[in-house]
Amino acid sequence: MMMYKLFSFSFVFLTPIFAYILVTFFKLKRFGILFTDIAFPIFAFEIGLVGNKFLGSSIFFYYLICLSLLAIILTITFLRRNHSFSYRRFGKFFWRSGFILTFLFYIIVLILIFTIA
């Protein structure tokens, strides 16, 4: 069981490295794709995978609620500042800020795993 915990901890470092290698190998920067754009869905998959393995209930739904709240907050912020809404700007900003939220959520899941499970 400790080996799985170490694997889940190593995902914190391996996922961004893997995403960076993909971006540089396929030269995705010319399309505006950064390593965070690739690491975001991988971390989301890892939250579901690691959360179901170690914790009794699924923590993925709490993650989806946090992403929904992020989308609502971003929408309200865009409408208050500009009095207009651009789907392109919202999508890009949501995707990048969603990576930060996902990374922090994965760190919280790791803390729960190492303290509770």
PDB file of N, CA and C in Angstrom:
ATOM      1  N   MET A   1       0.817  -1.190   0.000  1.00  0.00           N
ATOM      2  CA  MET A   1       0.000   0.000   0.000  1.00  0.00           C
ATOM      3  C   MET A   1       0.866   1.262   0.000  1.00  0.00           C
ATOM      4  N   MET A   2       1.992   1.198   0.664  1.00  0.00           N
ATOM      5  CA  MET A   2       2.887   2.355   0.701  1.00  0.00           C
ATOM      6  C   MET A   2       3.476   2.637  -0.678  1.00  0.00           C
ATOM      7  N   MET A   3       3.656   1.590  -1.464  1.00  0.00           N
ATOM      8  CA  MET A   3       4.199   1.767  -2.814  1.00  0.00           C
ATOM      9  C   MET A   3       3.226   2.578  -3.675  1.00  0.00           C
ATOM     10  N   TYR A   4       1.918   2.308  -3.547  1.00  0.00           N
ATOM     11  CA  TYR A   4       0.917   3.071  -4.287  1.00  0.00           C
ATOM     12  C   TYR A   4       0.907   4.533  -3.847  1.00  0.00           C
ATOM     13  N   LYS A   5       1.113   4.766  -2.558  1.00  0.00           N
ATOM     14  CA  LYS A   5       1.174   6.141  -2.065  1.00  0.00           C
ATOM     15  C   LYS A   5       2.374   6.873  -2.648  1.00  0.00           C
ATOM     16  N   LEU A   6       3.488   6.188  -2.757  1.00  0.00           N
ATOM     17  CA  LEU A   6       4.667   6.817  -3.355  1.00  0.00           C
ATOM     18  C   LEU A   6       4.461   7.076  -4.845  1.00  0.00           C
ATOM     19  N   PHE A   7       3.770   6.159  -5.524  1.00  0.00           N
ATOM     20  CA  PHE A   7       3.446   6.389  -6.934  1.00  0.00           C
ATOM     21  C   PHE A   7       2.544   7.613  -7.091  1.00  0.00           C
ATOM     22  N   SER A   8       1.550   7.718  -6.224  1.00  0.00           N
ATOM     23  CA  SER A   8       0.647   8.868  -6.319  1.00  0.00           C
ATOM     24  C   SER A   8       1.377  10.165  -5.995  1.00  0.00           C
ATOM     25  N   PHE A   9       2.364  10.112  -5.114  1.00  0.00           N
ATOM     26  CA  PHE A   9       3.172  11.305  -4.830  1.00  0.00           C
ATOM     27  C   PHE A   9       4.077  11.645  -6.008  1.00  0.00           C
ATOM     28  N   SER A  10       4.591  10.628  -6.670  1.00  0.00           N
ATOM     29  CA  SER A  10       5.482  10.886  -7.808  1.00  0.00           C
ATOM     30  C   SER A  10       4.734  11.471  -9.006  1.00  0.00           C
ATOM     31  N   PHE A  11       3.407  11.267  -9.067  1.00  0.00           N
ATOM     32  CA  PHE A  11       2.624  11.863 -10.149  1.00  0.00           C
ATOM     33  C   PHE A  11       2.687  13.386 -10.127  1.00  0.00           C
ATOM     34  N   VAL A  12       2.913  13.976  -8.945  1.00  0.00           N
ATOM     35  CA  VAL A  12       3.007  15.435  -8.841  1.00  0.00           C
ATOM     36  C   VAL A  12       4.138  15.955  -9.712  1.00  0.00           C
ATOM     37  N   PHE A  13       5.236  15.211  -9.770  1.00  0.00           N
ATOM     38  CA  PHE A  13       6.395  15.644 -10.549  1.00  0.00           C
ATOM     39  C   PHE A  13       6.389  15.067 -11.966  1.00  0.00           C
ATOM     40  N   LEU A  14       5.924  13.845 -12.104  1.00  0.00           N
ATOM     41  CA  LEU A  14       5.989  13.183 -13.405  1.00  0.00           C
ATOM     42  C   LEU A  14       4.977  13.723 -14.416  1.00  0.00           C
ATOM     43  N   THR A  15       3.817  14.128 -13.956  1.00  0.00           N
ATOM     44  CA  THR A  15       2.798  14.624 -14.881  1.00  0.00           C
ATOM     45  C   THR A  15       3.222  15.913 -15.583  1.00  0.00           C
ATOM     46  N   PRO A  16       3.710  16.941 -14.864  1.00  0.00           N
ATOM     47  CA  PRO A  16       4.175  18.136 -15.590  1.00  0.00           C
ATOM     48  C   PRO A  16       5.381  17.861 -16.483  1.00  0.00           C
ATOM     49  N   ILE A  17       6.264  16.971 -16.050  1.00  0.00           N
ATOM     50  CA  ILE A  17       7.420  16.633 -16.884  1.00  0.00           C
ATOM     51  C   ILE A  17       6.961  15.933 -18.157  1.00  0.00           C
ATOM     52  N   PHE A  18       6.030  15.003 -18.025  1.00  0.00           N
ATOM     53  CA  PHE A  18       5.486  14.303 -19.187  1.00  0.00           C
ATOM     54  C   PHE A  18       4.788  15.273 -20.140  1.00  0.00           C
ATOM     55  N   ALA A  19       4.009  16.191 -19.579  1.00  0.00           N
ATOM     56  CA  ALA A  19       3.309  17.174 -20.414  1.00  0.00           C
ATOM     57  C   ALA A  19       4.298  18.103 -21.108  1.00  0.00           C
ATOM     58  N   TYR A  20       5.356  18.494 -20.418  1.00  0.00           N
ATOM     59  CA  TYR A  20       6.371  19.361 -21.025  1.00  0.00           C
ATOM     60  C   TYR A  20       7.094  18.644 -22.167  1.00  0.00           C
ATOM     61  N   ILE A  21       7.383  17.363 -21.966  1.00  0.00           N
ATOM     62  CA  ILE A  21       8.039  16.583 -23.025  1.00  0.00           C
ATOM     63  C   ILE A  21       7.130  16.482 -24.250  1.00  0.00           C
ATOM     64  N   LEU A  22       5.834  16.264 -24.032  1.00  0.00           N
ATOM     65  CA  LEU A  22       4.898  16.201 -25.158  1.00  0.00           C
ATOM     66  C   LEU A  22       4.841  17.523 -25.923  1.00  0.00           C
ATOM     67  N   VAL A  23       4.832  18.632 -25.184  1.00  0.00           N
ATOM     68  CA  VAL A  23       4.753  19.944 -25.833  1.00  0.00           C
ATOM     69  C   VAL A  23       6.005  20.225 -26.643  1.00  0.00           C
ATOM     70  N   THR A  24       7.168  19.899 -26.094  1.00  0.00           N
ATOM     71  CA  THR A  24       8.403  20.182 -26.827  1.00  0.00           C
ATOM     72  C   THR A  24       8.621  19.195 -27.972  1.00  0.00           C
ATOM     73  N   PHE A  25       8.250  17.933 -27.787  1.00  0.00           N
ATOM     74  CA  PHE A  25       8.472  16.934 -28.828  1.00  0.00           C
ATOM     75  C   PHE A  25       7.597  17.201 -30.055  1.00  0.00           C
ATOM     76  N   PHE A  26       6.327  17.513 -29.810  1.00  0.00           N
ATOM     77  CA  PHE A  26       5.407  17.760 -30.918  1.00  0.00           C
ATOM     78  C   PHE A  26       5.327  19.235 -31.311  1.00  0.00           C
ATOM     79  N   LYS A  27       6.133  20.072 -30.665  1.00  0.00           N
ATOM     80  CA  LYS A  27       6.193  21.520 -30.948  1.00  0.00           C
ATOM     81  C   LYS A  27       4.795  22.141 -30.919  1.00  0.00           C
ATOM     82  N   LEU A  28       4.111  21.934 -29.804  1.00  0.00           N
ATOM     83  CA  LEU A  28       2.739  22.406 -29.668  1.00  0.00           C
ATOM     84  C   LEU A  28       2.647  23.875 -29.280  1.00  0.00           C
ATOM     85  N   LYS A  29       3.771  24.500 -28.946  1.00  0.00           N
ATOM     86  CA  LYS A  29       3.736  25.919 -28.594  1.00  0.00           C
ATOM     87  C   LYS A  29       3.328  26.787 -29.770  1.00  0.00           C
ATOM     88  N   ARG A  30       3.587  26.327 -30.966  1.00  0.00           N
ATOM     89  CA  ARG A  30       3.203  27.118 -32.140  1.00  0.00           C
ATOM     90  C   ARG A  30       1.691  27.206 -32.282  1.00  0.00           C
ATOM     91  N   PHE A  31       0.963  26.277 -31.651  1.00  0.00           N
ATOM     92  CA  PHE A  31      -0.494  26.324 -31.630  1.00  0.00           C
ATOM     93  C   PHE A  31      -1.028  27.003 -30.373  1.00  0.00           C
ATOM     94  N   GLY A  32      -0.132  27.458 -29.500  1.00  0.00           N
ATOM     95  CA  GLY A  32      -0.540  28.111 -28.262  1.00  0.00           C
ATOM     96  C   GLY A  32      -0.856  27.147 -27.140  1.00  0.00           C
ATOM     97  N   ILE A  33      -0.401  25.915 -27.250  1.00  0.00           N
ATOM     98  CA  ILE A  33      -0.658  24.909 -26.223  1.00  0.00           C
ATOM     99  C   ILE A  33       0.554  24.827 -25.306  1.00  0.00           C
ATOM    100  N   LEU A  34       0.319  25.032 -24.019  1.00  0.00           N
ATOM    101  CA  LEU A  34       1.378  24.960 -23.018  1.00  0.00           C
ATOM    102  C   LEU A  34       1.295  23.623 -22.287  1.00  0.00           C
ATOM    103  N   PHE A  35       2.301  23.354 -21.450  1.00  0.00           N
ATOM    104  CA  PHE A  35       2.293  22.079 -20.723  1.00  0.00           C
ATOM    105  C   PHE A  35       1.136  22.026 -19.737  1.00  0.00           C
ATOM    106  N   THR A  36       0.682  23.178 -19.248  1.00  0.00           N
ATOM    107  CA  THR A  36      -0.449  23.181 -18.317  1.00  0.00           C
ATOM    108  C   THR A  36      -1.736  22.732 -18.997  1.00  0.00           C
ATOM    109  N   ASP A  37      -1.848  22.993 -20.295  1.00  0.00           N
ATOM    110  CA  ASP A  37      -3.046  22.582 -21.027  1.00  0.00           C
ATOM    111  C   ASP A  37      -3.141  21.067 -21.153  1.00  0.00           C
ATOM    112  N   ILE A  38      -2.012  20.405 -21.171  1.00  0.00           N
ATOM    113  CA  ILE A  38      -2.002  18.941 -21.268  1.00  0.00           C
ATOM    114  C   ILE A  38      -2.049  18.305 -19.876  1.00  0.00           C
ATOM    115  N   ALA A  39      -1.397  18.938 -18.903  1.00  0.00           N
ATOM    116  CA  ALA A  39      -1.348  18.375 -17.556  1.00  0.00           C
ATOM    117  C   ALA A  39      -2.694  18.484 -16.836  1.00  0.00           C
ATOM    118  N   PHE A  40      -3.520  19.443 -17.228  1.00  0.00           N
ATOM    119  CA  PHE A  40      -4.821  19.639 -16.579  1.00  0.00           C
ATOM    120  C   PHE A  40      -5.712  18.396 -16.651  1.00  0.00           C
ATOM    121  N   PRO A  41      -5.999  17.823 -17.824  1.00  0.00           N
ATOM    122  CA  PRO A  41      -6.845  16.622 -17.832  1.00  0.00           C
ATOM    123  C   PRO A  41      -6.156  15.395 -17.239  1.00  0.00           C
ATOM    124  N   ILE A  42      -4.825  15.352 -17.314  1.00  0.00           N
ATOM    125  CA  ILE A  42      -4.116  14.214 -16.721  1.00  0.00           C
ATOM    126  C   ILE A  42      -4.249  14.248 -15.207  1.00  0.00           C
ATOM    127  N   PHE A  43      -4.081  15.439 -14.608  1.00  0.00           N
ATOM    128  CA  PHE A  43      -4.267  15.565 -13.160  1.00  0.00           C
ATOM    129  C   PHE A  43      -5.709  15.259 -12.764  1.00  0.00           C
ATOM    130  N   ALA A  44      -6.674  15.659 -13.583  1.00  0.00           N
ATOM    131  CA  ALA A  44      -8.079  15.361 -13.281  1.00  0.00           C
ATOM    132  C   ALA A  44      -8.315  13.849 -13.275  1.00  0.00           C
ATOM    133  N   PHE A  45      -7.724  13.151 -14.237  1.00  0.00           N
ATOM    134  CA  PHE A  45      -7.824  11.692 -14.275  1.00  0.00           C
ATOM    135  C   PHE A  45      -7.158  11.077 -13.043  1.00  0.00           C
ATOM    136  N   GLU A  46      -6.020  11.627 -12.640  1.00  0.00           N
ATOM    137  CA  GLU A  46      -5.312  11.101 -11.473  1.00  0.00           C
ATOM    138  C   GLU A  46      -6.080  11.349 -10.188  1.00  0.00           C
ATOM    139  N   ILE A  47      -6.812  12.454 -10.104  1.00  0.00           N
ATOM    140  CA  ILE A  47      -7.635  12.703  -8.916  1.00  0.00           C
ATOM    141  C   ILE A  47      -8.677  11.602  -8.775  1.00  0.00           C
ATOM    142  N   GLY A  48      -9.331  11.265  -9.865  1.00  0.00           N
ATOM    143  CA  GLY A  48     -10.313  10.185  -9.816  1.00  0.00           C
ATOM    144  C   GLY A  48      -9.688   8.840  -9.517  1.00  0.00           C
ATOM    145  N   LEU A  49      -8.554   8.569 -10.132  1.00  0.00           N
ATOM    146  CA  LEU A  49      -7.879   7.288  -9.957  1.00  0.00           C
ATOM    147  C   LEU A  49      -7.357   7.114  -8.534  1.00  0.00           C
ATOM    148  N   VAL A  50      -6.625   8.093  -8.050  1.00  0.00           N
ATOM    149  CA  VAL A  50      -6.014   8.003  -6.722  1.00  0.00           C
ATOM    150  C   VAL A  50      -7.075   8.119  -5.635  1.00  0.00           C
ATOM    151  N   GLY A  51      -8.057   8.996  -5.837  1.00  0.00           N
ATOM    152  CA  GLY A  51      -9.109   9.155  -4.835  1.00  0.00           C
ATOM    153  C   GLY A  51      -9.923   7.890  -4.639  1.00  0.00           C
ATOM    154  N   ASN A  52     -10.253   7.202  -5.724  1.00  0.00           N
ATOM    155  CA  ASN A  52     -11.019   5.961  -5.607  1.00  0.00           C
ATOM    156  C   ASN A  52     -10.194   4.825  -5.029  1.00  0.00           C
ATOM    157  N   LYS A  53      -8.901   4.840  -5.255  1.00  0.00           N
ATOM    158  CA  LYS A  53      -8.043   3.764  -4.761  1.00  0.00           C
ATOM    159  C   LYS A  53      -7.887   3.825  -3.241  1.00  0.00           C
ATOM    160  N   PHE A  54      -7.703   5.024  -2.704  1.00  0.00           N
ATOM    161  CA  PHE A  54      -7.350   5.133  -1.293  1.00  0.00           C
ATOM    162  C   PHE A  54      -8.500   5.569  -0.395  1.00  0.00           C
ATOM    163  N   LEU A  55      -9.384   6.397  -0.888  1.00  0.00           N
ATOM    164  CA  LEU A  55     -10.478   6.891  -0.065  1.00  0.00           C
ATOM    165  C   LEU A  55     -11.732   6.094  -0.380  1.00  0.00           C
ATOM    166  N   GLY A  56     -12.565   5.891   0.615  1.00  0.00           N
ATOM    167  CA  GLY A  56     -13.746   5.061   0.436  1.00  0.00           C
ATOM    168  C   GLY A  56     -14.753   5.630  -0.543  1.00  0.00           C
ATOM    169  N   SER A  57     -15.033   6.903  -0.447  1.00  0.00           N
ATOM    170  CA  SER A  57     -15.999   7.521  -1.353  1.00  0.00           C
ATOM    171  C   SER A  57     -15.273   8.256  -2.473  1.00  0.00           C
ATOM    172  N   SER A  58     -16.002   8.520  -3.519  1.00  0.00           N
ATOM    173  CA  SER A  58     -15.408   9.201  -4.661  1.00  0.00           C
ATOM    174  C   SER A  58     -15.266  10.688  -4.361  1.00  0.00           C
ATOM    175  N   ILE A  59     -14.084  11.193  -4.527  1.00  0.00           N
ATOM    176  CA  ILE A  59     -13.801  12.602  -4.277  1.00  0.00           C
ATOM    177  C   ILE A  59     -13.887  13.408  -5.572  1.00  0.00           C
ATOM    178  N   PHE A  60     -14.079  12.729  -6.683  1.00  0.00           N
ATOM    179  CA  PHE A  60     -14.109  13.391  -7.984  1.00  0.00           C
ATOM    180  C   PHE A  60     -15.295  14.346  -8.109  1.00  0.00           C
ATOM    181  N   PHE A  61     -16.410  14.030  -7.455  1.00  0.00           N
ATOM    182  CA  PHE A  61     -17.577  14.903  -7.535  1.00  0.00           C
ATOM    183  C   PHE A  61     -17.329  16.223  -6.813  1.00  0.00           C
ATOM    184  N   TYR A  62     -16.567  16.196  -5.722  1.00  0.00           N
ATOM    185  CA  TYR A  62     -16.192  17.441  -5.048  1.00  0.00           C
ATOM    186  C   TYR A  62     -15.298  18.289  -5.946  1.00  0.00           C
ATOM    187  N   TYR A  63     -14.462  17.624  -6.696  1.00  0.00           N
ATOM    188  CA  TYR A  63     -13.606  18.327  -7.653  1.00  0.00           C
ATOM    189  C   TYR A  63     -14.447  18.985  -8.748  1.00  0.00           C
ATOM    190  N   LEU A  64     -15.442  18.282  -9.247  1.00  0.00           N
ATOM    191  CA  LEU A  64     -16.322  18.854 -10.272  1.00  0.00           C
ATOM    192  C   LEU A  64     -17.124  20.035  -9.731  1.00  0.00           C
ATOM    193  N   ILE A  65     -17.513  19.969  -8.472  1.00  0.00           N
ATOM    194  CA  ILE A  65     -18.208  21.097  -7.853  1.00  0.00           C
ATOM    195  C   ILE A  65     -17.284  22.304  -7.767  1.00  0.00           C
ATOM    196  N   CYS A  66     -16.032  22.082  -7.411  1.00  0.00           N
ATOM    197  CA  CYS A  66     -15.060  23.182  -7.356  1.00  0.00           C
ATOM    198  C   CYS A  66     -14.838  23.792  -8.733  1.00  0.00           C
ATOM    199  N   LEU A  67     -14.769  22.963  -9.769  1.00  0.00           N
ATOM    200  CA  LEU A  67     -14.621  23.489 -11.130  1.00  0.00           C
ATOM    201  C   LEU A  67     -15.860  24.276 -11.554  1.00  0.00           C
ATOM    202  N   SER A  68     -17.031  23.819 -11.164  1.00  0.00           N
ATOM    203  CA  SER A  68     -18.255  24.546 -11.496  1.00  0.00           C
ATOM    204  C   SER A  68     -18.295  25.902 -10.800  1.00  0.00           C
ATOM    205  N   LEU A  69     -17.886  25.933  -9.542  1.00  0.00           N
ATOM    206  CA  LEU A  69     -17.825  27.206  -8.823  1.00  0.00           C
ATOM    207  C   LEU A  69     -16.803  28.146  -9.448  1.00  0.00           C
ATOM    208  N   LEU A  70     -15.687  27.597  -9.902  1.00  0.00           N
ATOM    209  CA  LEU A  70     -14.689  28.412 -10.591  1.00  0.00           C
ATOM    210  C   LEU A  70     -15.273  29.023 -11.858  1.00  0.00           C
ATOM    211  N   ALA A  71     -16.023  28.247 -12.617  1.00  0.00           N
ATOM    212  CA  ALA A  71     -16.637  28.755 -13.848  1.00  0.00           C
ATOM    213  C   ALA A  71     -17.648  29.857 -13.540  1.00  0.00           C
ATOM    214  N   ILE A  72     -18.434  29.683 -12.497  1.00  0.00           N
ATOM    215  CA  ILE A  72     -19.414  30.709 -12.127  1.00  0.00           C
ATOM    216  C   ILE A  72     -18.718  31.986 -11.687  1.00  0.00           C
ATOM    217  N   ILE A  73     -17.676  31.855 -10.868  1.00  0.00           N
ATOM    218  CA  ILE A  73     -16.940  33.032 -10.392  1.00  0.00           C
ATOM    219  C   ILE A  73     -16.272  33.761 -11.544  1.00  0.00           C
ATOM    220  N   LEU A  74     -15.679  33.020 -12.463  1.00  0.00           N
ATOM    221  CA  LEU A  74     -15.044  33.659 -13.619  1.00  0.00           C
ATOM    222  C   LEU A  74     -16.068  34.371 -14.498  1.00  0.00           C
ATOM    223  N   THR A  75     -17.222  33.770 -14.688  1.00  0.00           N
ATOM    224  CA  THR A  75     -18.262  34.399 -15.498  1.00  0.00           C
ATOM    225  C   THR A  75     -18.737  35.698 -14.866  1.00  0.00           C
ATOM    226  N   ILE A  76     -18.987  35.672 -13.573  1.00  0.00           N
ATOM    227  CA  ILE A  76     -19.424  36.886 -12.878  1.00  0.00           C
ATOM    228  C   ILE A  76     -18.343  37.958 -12.937  1.00  0.00           C
ATOM    229  N   THR A  77     -17.087  37.553 -12.763  1.00  0.00           N
ATOM    230  CA  THR A  77     -15.986  38.516 -12.818  1.00  0.00           C
ATOM    231  C   THR A  77     -15.863  39.145 -14.197  1.00  0.00           C
ATOM    232  N   PHE A  78     -15.947  38.343 -15.244  1.00  0.00           N
ATOM    233  CA  PHE A  78     -15.863  38.890 -16.606  1.00  0.00           C
ATOM    234  C   PHE A  78     -17.018  39.844 -16.899  1.00  0.00           C
ATOM    235  N   LEU A  79     -18.213  39.496 -16.447  1.00  0.00           N
ATOM    236  CA  LEU A  79     -19.368  40.349 -16.717  1.00  0.00           C
ATOM    237  C   LEU A  79     -19.317  41.652 -15.927  1.00  0.00           C
ATOM    238  N   ARG A  80     -18.777  41.622 -14.734  1.00  0.00           N
ATOM    239  CA  ARG A  80     -18.673  42.849 -13.939  1.00  0.00           C
ATOM    240  C   ARG A  80     -17.600  43.791 -14.470  1.00  0.00           C
ATOM    241  N   ARG A  81     -16.485  43.241 -14.916  1.00  0.00           N
ATOM    242  CA  ARG A  81     -15.383  44.091 -15.377  1.00  0.00           C
ATOM    243  C   ARG A  81     -15.639  44.675 -16.757  1.00  0.00           C
ATOM    244  N   ASN A  82     -16.019  43.854 -17.695  1.00  0.00           N
ATOM    245  CA  ASN A  82     -16.117  44.289 -19.087  1.00  0.00           C
ATOM    246  C   ASN A  82     -17.544  44.532 -19.558  1.00  0.00           C
ATOM    247  N   HIS A  83     -18.526  44.088 -18.826  1.00  0.00           N
ATOM    248  CA  HIS A  83     -19.930  44.142 -19.232  1.00  0.00           C
ATOM    249  C   HIS A  83     -20.159  43.419 -20.556  1.00  0.00           C
ATOM    250  N   SER A  84     -19.254  42.510 -20.868  1.00  0.00           N
ATOM    251  CA  SER A  84     -19.403  41.660 -22.054  1.00  0.00           C
ATOM    252  C   SER A  84     -18.751  40.317 -21.746  1.00  0.00           C
ATOM    253  N   PHE A  85     -19.051  39.366 -22.605  1.00  0.00           N
ATOM    254  CA  PHE A  85     -18.545  38.014 -22.365  1.00  0.00           C
ATOM    255  C   PHE A  85     -18.006  37.446 -23.664  1.00  0.00           C
ATOM    256  N   SER A  86     -16.779  36.944 -23.603  1.00  0.00           N
ATOM    257  CA  SER A  86     -16.150  36.316 -24.758  1.00  0.00           C
ATOM    258  C   SER A  86     -15.865  34.856 -24.410  1.00  0.00           C
ATOM    259  N   TYR A  87     -16.433  33.949 -25.197  1.00  0.00           N
ATOM    260  CA  TYR A  87     -16.233  32.530 -24.925  1.00  0.00           C
ATOM    261  C   TYR A  87     -14.775  32.125 -25.084  1.00  0.00           C
ATOM    262  N   ARG A  88     -14.102  32.721 -26.041  1.00  0.00           N
ATOM    263  CA  ARG A  88     -12.700  32.375 -26.276  1.00  0.00           C
ATOM    264  C   ARG A  88     -11.834  32.765 -25.075  1.00  0.00           C
ATOM    265  N   ARG A  89     -12.034  33.980 -24.583  1.00  0.00           N
ATOM    266  CA  ARG A  89     -11.255  34.440 -23.426  1.00  0.00           C
ATOM    267  C   ARG A  89     -11.614  33.635 -22.176  1.00  0.00           C
ATOM    268  N   PHE A  90     -12.923  33.378 -21.995  1.00  0.00           N
ATOM    269  CA  PHE A  90     -13.354  32.593 -20.848  1.00  0.00           C
ATOM    270  C   PHE A  90     -12.765  31.188 -20.891  1.00  0.00           C
ATOM    271  N   GLY A  91     -12.814  30.552 -22.059  1.00  0.00           N
ATOM    272  CA  GLY A  91     -12.296  29.190 -22.178  1.00  0.00           C
ATOM    273  C   GLY A  91     -10.819  29.102 -21.869  1.00  0.00           C
ATOM    274  N   LYS A  92     -10.064  30.052 -22.384  1.00  0.00           N
ATOM    275  CA  LYS A  92      -8.625  30.044 -22.141  1.00  0.00           C
ATOM    276  C   LYS A  92      -8.312  30.311 -20.668  1.00  0.00           C
ATOM    277  N   PHE A  93      -8.996  31.298 -20.091  1.00  0.00           N
ATOM    278  CA  PHE A  93      -8.748  31.639 -18.691  1.00  0.00           C
ATOM    279  C   PHE A  93      -9.219  30.526 -17.765  1.00  0.00           C
ATOM    280  N   PHE A  94     -10.364  29.917 -18.093  1.00  0.00           N
ATOM    281  CA  PHE A  94     -10.867  28.810 -17.283  1.00  0.00           C
ATOM    282  C   PHE A  94      -9.926  27.612 -17.347  1.00  0.00           C
ATOM    283  N   TRP A  95      -9.403  27.316 -18.523  1.00  0.00           N
ATOM    284  CA  TRP A  95      -8.522  26.162 -18.678  1.00  0.00           C
ATOM    285  C   TRP A  95      -7.243  26.349 -17.871  1.00  0.00           C
ATOM    286  N   ARG A  96      -6.664  27.553 -17.915  1.00  0.00           N
ATOM    287  CA  ARG A  96      -5.416  27.812 -17.191  1.00  0.00           C
ATOM    288  C   ARG A  96      -5.652  27.893 -15.682  1.00  0.00           C
ATOM    289  N   SER A  97      -6.713  28.546 -15.257  1.00  0.00           N
ATOM    290  CA  SER A  97      -6.992  28.607 -13.823  1.00  0.00           C
ATOM    291  C   SER A  97      -7.505  27.260 -13.312  1.00  0.00           C
ATOM    292  N   GLY A  98      -8.132  26.485 -14.185  1.00  0.00           N
ATOM    293  CA  GLY A  98      -8.551  25.134 -13.812  1.00  0.00           C
ATOM    294  C   GLY A  98      -7.366  24.234 -13.529  1.00  0.00           C
ATOM    295  N   PHE A  99      -6.258  24.460 -14.236  1.00  0.00           N
ATOM    296  CA  PHE A  99      -5.045  23.700 -13.942  1.00  0.00           C
ATOM    297  C   PHE A  99      -4.559  23.990 -12.532  1.00  0.00           C
ATOM    298  N   ILE A 100      -4.551  25.262 -12.143  1.00  0.00           N
ATOM    299  CA  ILE A 100      -4.095  25.623 -10.796  1.00  0.00           C
ATOM    300  C   ILE A 100      -5.006  24.994  -9.753  1.00  0.00           C
ATOM    301  N   LEU A 101      -6.317  25.073  -9.971  1.00  0.00           N
ATOM    302  CA  LEU A 101      -7.268  24.471  -9.045  1.00  0.00           C
ATOM    303  C   LEU A 101      -7.087  22.958  -8.979  1.00  0.00           C
ATOM    304  N   THR A 102      -6.883  22.329 -10.109  1.00  0.00           N
ATOM    305  CA  THR A 102      -6.701  20.880 -10.156  1.00  0.00           C
ATOM    306  C   THR A 102      -5.421  20.466  -9.451  1.00  0.00           C
ATOM    307  N   PHE A 103      -4.349  21.214  -9.668  1.00  0.00           N
ATOM    308  CA  PHE A 103      -3.087  20.901  -9.006  1.00  0.00           C
ATOM    309  C   PHE A 103      -3.226  21.029  -7.490  1.00  0.00           C
ATOM    310  N   LEU A 104      -3.858  22.092  -7.020  1.00  0.00           N
ATOM    311  CA  LEU A 104      -4.066  22.261  -5.579  1.00  0.00           C
ATOM    312  C   LEU A 104      -4.978  21.175  -5.018  1.00  0.00           C
ATOM    313  N   PHE A 105      -5.999  20.802  -5.771  1.00  0.00           N
ATOM    314  CA  PHE A 105      -6.907  19.745  -5.332  1.00  0.00           C
ATOM    315  C   PHE A 105      -6.176  18.409  -5.246  1.00  0.00           C
ATOM    316  N   TYR A 106      -5.275  18.153  -6.183  1.00  0.00           N
ATOM    317  CA  TYR A 106      -4.503  16.914  -6.143  1.00  0.00           C
ATOM    318  C   TYR A 106      -3.571  16.900  -4.930  1.00  0.00           C
ATOM    319  N   ILE A 107      -2.986  18.050  -4.598  1.00  0.00           N
ATOM    320  CA  ILE A 107      -2.141  18.141  -3.402  1.00  0.00           C
ATOM    321  C   ILE A 107      -2.979  17.864  -2.154  1.00  0.00           C
ATOM    322  N   ILE A 108      -4.198  18.393  -2.110  1.00  0.00           N
ATOM    323  CA  ILE A 108      -5.086  18.138  -0.975  1.00  0.00           C
ATOM    324  C   ILE A 108      -5.439  16.653  -0.893  1.00  0.00           C
ATOM    325  N   VAL A 109      -5.690  16.026  -2.028  1.00  0.00           N
ATOM    326  CA  VAL A 109      -5.966  14.581  -2.047  1.00  0.00           C
ATOM    327  C   VAL A 109      -4.760  13.810  -1.518  1.00  0.00           C
ATOM    328  N   LEU A 110      -3.561  14.212  -1.901  1.00  0.00           N
ATOM    329  CA  LEU A 110      -2.360  13.541  -1.387  1.00  0.00           C
ATOM    330  C   LEU A 110      -2.225  13.710   0.116  1.00  0.00           C
ATOM    331  N   ILE A 111      -2.518  14.894   0.620  1.00  0.00           N
ATOM    332  CA  ILE A 111      -2.460  15.114   2.068  1.00  0.00           C
ATOM    333  C   ILE A 111      -3.478  14.226   2.771  1.00  0.00           C
ATOM    334  N   LEU A 112      -4.677  14.118   2.207  1.00  0.00           N
ATOM    335  CA  LEU A 112      -5.687  13.230   2.790  1.00  0.00           C
ATOM    336  C   LEU A 112      -5.238  11.773   2.763  1.00  0.00           C
ATOM    337  N   ILE A 113      -4.612  11.374   1.692  1.00  0.00           N
ATOM    338  CA  ILE A 113      -4.165   9.985   1.576  1.00  0.00           C
ATOM    339  C   ILE A 113      -3.087   9.672   2.602  1.00  0.00           C
ATOM    340  N   PHE A 114      -2.135  10.565   2.760  1.00  0.00           N
ATOM    341  CA  PHE A 114      -1.040  10.285   3.676  1.00  0.00           C
ATOM    342  C   PHE A 114      -1.432  10.461   5.137  1.00  0.00           C
ATOM    343  N   THR A 115      -2.511  11.185   5.430  1.00  0.00           N
ATOM    344  CA  THR A 115      -2.926  11.339   6.820  1.00  0.00           C
ATOM    345  C   THR A 115      -4.042  10.376   7.211  1.00  0.00           C
ATOM    346  N   ILE A 116      -5.009  10.157   6.324  1.00  0.00           N
ATOM    347  CA  ILE A 116      -6.174   9.339   6.674  1.00  0.00           C
ATOM    348  C   ILE A 116      -5.997   7.882   6.269  1.00  0.00           C
ATOM    349  N   ALA A 117      -5.681   7.654   5.007  1.00  0.00           N
ATOM    350  CA  ALA A 117      -5.632   6.278   4.494  1.00  0.00           C
ATOM    351  C   ALA A 117      -4.376   5.558   4.923  1.00  0.00           C
TER     352      ALA A 117
END
